[in-house]
Amino acid sequence: MMQKCAECNEPFKWNQLYKSLWFAFQPVRCRNCGTVHKVASASRLLTVLLLLMPMIYISIIMQNLGLLEVILPIAAVIVLVSLGLPFLLKYEKVSTNIDTNYGNR
């Protein structure tokens, strides 16, 4: 199930979340109410584990093979995992704090 906006419960589109994933977890803006959401820290860790662990495993298992035989399975894992990540990632509403003192303390 796709993540929904914390403000208006409008579901995000898959392509919004996919673009956010590939552009360094950029915040996602709700297309209905404009609320900005960022990827939760636990989801960032999950993404790294889901992408990195299979790559390490494949490179260890296939260390005696040529470069092409190792790169193809790693690329396949990256593509398959990244296609499913928008369904797994959790987003949280960005809290906006207005600094009325303009940074002067």
C-alpha atoms as a PDB file:
ATOM      1  CA  MET A   1       0.000   0.000   0.000  1.00  0.00           C
ATOM      2  CA  MET A   2       1.301   3.413  -0.949  1.00  0.00           C
ATOM      3  CA  GLN A   3       2.145   5.979   1.732  1.00  0.00           C
ATOM      4  CA  LYS A   4      -0.437   8.729   2.294  1.00  0.00           C
ATOM      5  CA  CYS A   5      -0.128  12.402   3.158  1.00  0.00           C
ATOM      6  CA  ALA A   6      -0.129  12.971   6.924  1.00  0.00           C
ATOM      7  CA  GLU A   7      -2.326  16.048   6.492  1.00  0.00           C
ATOM      8  CA  CYS A   8      -5.063  15.109   3.995  1.00  0.00           C
ATOM      9  CA  ASN A   9      -4.648  11.293   3.548  1.00  0.00           C
ATOM     10  CA  GLU A  10      -4.113  11.669  -0.205  1.00  0.00           C
ATOM     11  CA  PRO A  11      -1.979   8.732  -1.402  1.00  0.00           C
ATOM     12  CA  PHE A  12       1.313   9.631  -3.028  1.00  0.00           C
ATOM     13  CA  LYS A  13       1.908   8.473  -6.572  1.00  0.00           C
ATOM     14  CA  TRP A  14       4.482   5.744  -7.105  1.00  0.00           C
ATOM     15  CA  ASN A  15       6.521   7.908  -9.481  1.00  0.00           C
ATOM     16  CA  GLN A  16       6.722  10.737  -6.902  1.00  0.00           C
ATOM     17  CA  LEU A  17       8.278   8.390  -4.355  1.00  0.00           C
ATOM     18  CA  TYR A  18      10.510   6.706  -6.934  1.00  0.00           C
ATOM     19  CA  LYS A  19      11.944  10.054  -8.047  1.00  0.00           C
ATOM     20  CA  SER A  20      12.505  10.997  -4.410  1.00  0.00           C
ATOM     21  CA  LEU A  21      14.436   7.758  -3.879  1.00  0.00           C
ATOM     22  CA  TRP A  22      16.761   8.263  -6.849  1.00  0.00           C
ATOM     23  CA  PHE A  23      17.397  11.956  -6.190  1.00  0.00           C
ATOM     24  CA  ALA A  24      18.970  11.486  -2.746  1.00  0.00           C
ATOM     25  CA  PHE A  25      15.693  11.202  -0.811  1.00  0.00           C
ATOM     26  CA  GLN A  26      14.381  14.607  -1.818  1.00  0.00           C
ATOM     27  CA  PRO A  27      11.258  15.668   0.085  1.00  0.00           C
ATOM     28  CA  VAL A  28       7.897  14.883  -1.495  1.00  0.00           C
ATOM     29  CA  ARG A  29       5.135  17.483  -1.705  1.00  0.00           C
ATOM     30  CA  CYS A  30       1.505  16.350  -1.511  1.00  0.00           C
ATOM     31  CA  ARG A  31      -0.209  17.194  -4.784  1.00  0.00           C
ATOM     32  CA  ASN A  32      -3.502  17.810  -2.976  1.00  0.00           C
ATOM     33  CA  CYS A  33      -2.613  20.048  -0.010  1.00  0.00           C
ATOM     34  CA  GLY A  34       1.060  20.927  -0.589  1.00  0.00           C
ATOM     35  CA  THR A  35       2.344  19.422   2.676  1.00  0.00           C
ATOM     36  CA  VAL A  36       6.029  18.464   2.449  1.00  0.00           C
ATOM     37  CA  HIS A  37       7.134  15.015   3.628  1.00  0.00           C
ATOM     38  CA  LYS A  38      10.635  13.615   4.063  1.00  0.00           C
ATOM     39  CA  VAL A  39      11.862  10.045   4.177  1.00  0.00           C
ATOM     40  CA  ALA A  40      12.044   8.747   7.741  1.00  0.00           C
ATOM     41  CA  SER A  41      15.498   7.818   9.041  1.00  0.00           C
ATOM     42  CA  ALA A  42      14.549   4.171   9.514  1.00  0.00           C
ATOM     43  CA  SER A  43      13.466   4.005   5.858  1.00  0.00           C
ATOM     44  CA  ARG A  44      16.817   5.405   4.740  1.00  0.00           C
ATOM     45  CA  LEU A  45      18.578   2.672   6.699  1.00  0.00           C
ATOM     46  CA  LEU A  46      16.239   0.039   5.239  1.00  0.00           C
ATOM     47  CA  THR A  47      17.022   1.275   1.726  1.00  0.00           C
ATOM     48  CA  VAL A  48      20.767   1.035   2.282  1.00  0.00           C
ATOM     49  CA  LEU A  49      20.452  -2.459   3.731  1.00  0.00           C
ATOM     50  CA  LEU A  50      18.163  -3.709   0.961  1.00  0.00           C
ATOM     51  CA  LEU A  51      20.479  -2.390  -1.746  1.00  0.00           C
ATOM     52  CA  LEU A  52      23.877  -2.994  -0.169  1.00  0.00           C
ATOM     53  CA  MET A  53      23.520  -6.415   1.448  1.00  0.00           C
ATOM     54  CA  PRO A  54      22.576  -8.320  -1.736  1.00  0.00           C
ATOM     55  CA  MET A  55      25.411  -6.621  -3.625  1.00  0.00           C
ATOM     56  CA  ILE A  56      27.953  -7.701  -1.007  1.00  0.00           C
ATOM     57  CA  TYR A  57      26.525 -11.218  -0.965  1.00  0.00           C
ATOM     58  CA  ILE A  58      26.604 -11.510  -4.773  1.00  0.00           C
ATOM     59  CA  SER A  59      30.169 -10.202  -5.005  1.00  0.00           C
ATOM     60  CA  ILE A  60      31.382 -12.676  -2.363  1.00  0.00           C
ATOM     61  CA  ILE A  61      29.620 -15.660  -3.943  1.00  0.00           C
ATOM     62  CA  MET A  62      30.709 -14.745  -7.461  1.00  0.00           C
ATOM     63  CA  GLN A  63      34.240 -13.519  -6.723  1.00  0.00           C
ATOM     64  CA  ASN A  64      35.857 -16.026  -9.099  1.00  0.00           C
ATOM     65  CA  LEU A  65      33.735 -14.930 -12.059  1.00  0.00           C
ATOM     66  CA  GLY A  66      34.412 -12.176 -14.536  1.00  0.00           C
ATOM     67  CA  LEU A  67      33.304  -8.596 -14.074  1.00  0.00           C
ATOM     68  CA  LEU A  68      30.304  -8.890 -16.389  1.00  0.00           C
ATOM     69  CA  GLU A  69      28.953 -11.965 -14.586  1.00  0.00           C
ATOM     70  CA  VAL A  70      29.046 -10.059 -11.286  1.00  0.00           C
ATOM     71  CA  ILE A  71      27.723  -6.713 -12.529  1.00  0.00           C
ATOM     72  CA  LEU A  72      24.605  -8.128 -14.210  1.00  0.00           C
ATOM     73  CA  PRO A  73      23.143  -9.774 -11.070  1.00  0.00           C
ATOM     74  CA  ILE A  74      23.993  -6.700  -8.993  1.00  0.00           C
ATOM     75  CA  ALA A  75      22.256  -4.439 -11.528  1.00  0.00           C
ATOM     76  CA  ALA A  76      19.231  -6.757 -11.520  1.00  0.00           C
ATOM     77  CA  VAL A  77      19.028  -6.600  -7.712  1.00  0.00           C
ATOM     78  CA  ILE A  78      19.278  -2.797  -7.735  1.00  0.00           C
ATOM     79  CA  VAL A  79      16.491  -2.515 -10.315  1.00  0.00           C
ATOM     80  CA  LEU A  80      14.172  -5.021  -8.613  1.00  0.00           C
ATOM     81  CA  VAL A  81      14.661  -3.644  -5.101  1.00  0.00           C
ATOM     82  CA  SER A  82      14.315  -0.035  -6.195  1.00  0.00           C
ATOM     83  CA  LEU A  83      11.019  -0.766  -7.977  1.00  0.00           C
ATOM     84  CA  GLY A  84       9.528  -2.068  -4.720  1.00  0.00           C
ATOM     85  CA  LEU A  85      11.004   0.530  -2.368  1.00  0.00           C
ATOM     86  CA  PRO A  86       8.281   3.174  -2.896  1.00  0.00           C
ATOM     87  CA  PHE A  87       5.864   0.698  -1.284  1.00  0.00           C
ATOM     88  CA  LEU A  88       8.156   0.180   1.737  1.00  0.00           C
ATOM     89  CA  LEU A  89       9.480   3.667   2.471  1.00  0.00           C
ATOM     90  CA  LYS A  90       7.825   5.671   5.213  1.00  0.00           C
ATOM     91  CA  TYR A  91       7.527   9.429   4.944  1.00  0.00           C
ATOM     92  CA  GLU A  92       6.950  11.904   7.750  1.00  0.00           C
ATOM     93  CA  LYS A  93       5.572  15.406   7.652  1.00  0.00           C
ATOM     94  CA  VAL A  94       8.244  18.110   7.723  1.00  0.00           C
ATOM     95  CA  SER A  95       7.780  20.446  10.654  1.00  0.00           C
ATOM     96  CA  THR A  96       8.453  24.053   9.792  1.00  0.00           C
ATOM     97  CA  ASN A  97       9.930  26.262  12.469  1.00  0.00           C
ATOM     98  CA  ILE A  98       9.880  29.952  11.659  1.00  0.00           C
ATOM     99  CA  ASP A  99      12.907  31.773  13.046  1.00  0.00           C
ATOM    100  CA  THR A 100      11.625  35.251  13.893  1.00  0.00           C
ATOM    101  CA  ASN A 101      15.032  36.240  15.255  1.00  0.00           C
ATOM    102  CA  TYR A 102      16.750  35.640  11.862  1.00  0.00           C
ATOM    103  CA  GLY A 103      19.363  33.380  13.426  1.00  0.00           C
ATOM    104  CA  ASN A 104      20.568  36.023  15.903  1.00  0.00           C
ATOM    105  CA  ARG A 105      20.799  34.739  19.444  1.00  0.00           C
END
